[in-house]
């Protein structure tokens, strides 16, 4: 587990963004002794979410579809086919 602040720095965002990802159900944030933590897997997932937003300009709805239907290791190349398959649902 990594401190939320350290994970945010590693993925080049802020803690508020990671907390928003948590509230969207995309990552899990654990709290202990007044500190917030994320797993290495959720740090990786956060990096992927940021790529979906910045490089592919996906909406939160589209990101949710990709995360629900994609599997780690995530690949940007998979995204168009995932959206084509599942967006009509």
Protein backbone atom coordinates (compact mmCIF):
# COMPACT_ATOMS: atom_id res chain seq x y z
CA UNK A 1 0.00 0.00 0.00
CA UNK A 2 1.16 3.51 -0.82
CA UNK A 3 0.21 6.79 0.77
CA UNK A 4 -2.37 8.53 -1.38
CA UNK A 5 -0.12 11.59 -1.64
CA UNK A 6 2.80 9.47 -2.90
CA UNK A 7 0.60 7.64 -5.40
CA UNK A 8 -0.76 10.96 -6.67
CA UNK A 9 2.77 12.22 -7.22
CA UNK A 10 3.75 9.00 -8.99
CA UNK A 11 0.88 9.30 -11.49
CA UNK A 12 1.29 13.08 -11.80
CA UNK A 13 -2.05 14.17 -10.41
CA UNK A 14 -3.43 15.33 -7.07
CA UNK A 15 -5.04 13.52 -4.17
CA UNK A 16 -8.45 15.02 -4.99
CA UNK A 17 -8.39 13.37 -8.42
CA UNK A 18 -7.59 9.99 -6.90
CA UNK A 19 -10.37 10.46 -4.36
CA UNK A 20 -12.75 11.27 -7.23
CA UNK A 21 -11.68 7.99 -8.89
CA UNK A 22 -12.47 6.25 -5.59
CA UNK A 23 -15.91 7.87 -5.39
CA UNK A 24 -16.57 6.78 -8.99
CA UNK A 25 -15.79 3.20 -7.92
CA UNK A 26 -12.73 2.92 -10.16
CA UNK A 27 -10.12 2.47 -7.40
CA UNK A 28 -10.14 1.65 -3.70
CA UNK A 29 -8.77 4.00 -1.08
CA UNK A 30 -8.16 2.67 2.42
CA UNK A 31 -7.80 4.83 5.51
CA UNK A 32 -5.80 3.99 8.60
CA UNK A 33 -4.66 6.21 11.46
CA UNK A 34 -5.77 9.32 9.59
CA UNK A 35 -3.85 8.48 6.42
CA UNK A 36 -5.21 7.34 3.06
CA UNK A 37 -3.62 4.58 1.01
CA UNK A 38 -4.02 2.91 -2.38
CA UNK A 39 -2.61 -0.37 -3.62
CA UNK A 40 0.05 -0.54 -6.33
CA UNK A 41 -2.60 -2.03 -8.62
CA UNK A 42 -4.91 0.93 -8.05
CA UNK A 43 -2.02 3.33 -8.63
CA UNK A 44 -1.46 1.61 -11.99
CA UNK A 45 -5.20 1.75 -12.71
CA UNK A 46 -5.20 5.48 -11.90
CA UNK A 47 -2.40 6.07 -14.39
CA UNK A 48 -4.47 4.25 -17.04
CA UNK A 49 -7.57 6.31 -16.20
CA UNK A 50 -5.57 9.51 -16.60
CA UNK A 51 -4.34 8.29 -20.01
CA UNK A 52 -7.93 7.60 -21.03
CA UNK A 53 -8.88 11.15 -20.06
CA UNK A 54 -5.88 13.00 -21.44
CA UNK A 55 -4.82 10.98 -24.49
CA UNK A 56 -8.17 9.60 -25.63
CA UNK A 57 -10.48 12.34 -24.28
CA UNK A 58 -12.96 9.79 -22.93
CA UNK A 59 -15.91 10.78 -20.79
CA UNK A 60 -16.37 9.35 -17.30
CA UNK A 61 -19.11 7.10 -18.70
CA UNK A 62 -16.76 5.75 -21.38
CA UNK A 63 -13.99 5.25 -18.82
CA UNK A 64 -16.41 3.25 -16.69
CA UNK A 65 -17.22 1.01 -19.66
CA UNK A 66 -13.53 0.42 -20.38
CA UNK A 67 -12.72 -0.39 -16.75
CA UNK A 68 -15.70 -2.74 -16.39
CA UNK A 69 -14.84 -4.68 -19.53
CA UNK A 70 -11.07 -4.45 -19.82
CA UNK A 71 -8.56 -6.59 -18.00
CA UNK A 72 -5.14 -5.81 -16.63
CA UNK A 73 -2.64 -5.24 -18.01
CA UNK A 74 -4.60 -2.42 -19.56
CA UNK A 75 -3.76 -1.30 -23.06
CA UNK A 76 -4.88 1.82 -24.90
CA UNK A 77 -5.04 -0.29 -28.07
CA UNK A 78 -7.91 -2.33 -26.55
CA UNK A 79 -10.05 0.71 -25.80
CA UNK A 80 -11.70 1.27 -29.23
CA UNK A 81 -12.82 -2.36 -29.47
CA UNK A 82 -14.13 -2.35 -25.88
CA UNK A 83 -16.12 0.81 -26.54
CA UNK A 84 -17.42 -0.53 -29.86
CA UNK A 85 -18.56 -3.76 -28.20
CA UNK A 86 -20.06 -2.41 -24.98
CA UNK A 87 -21.13 1.20 -25.60
CA UNK A 88 -24.42 0.22 -27.19
CA UNK A 89 -25.55 -1.52 -23.97
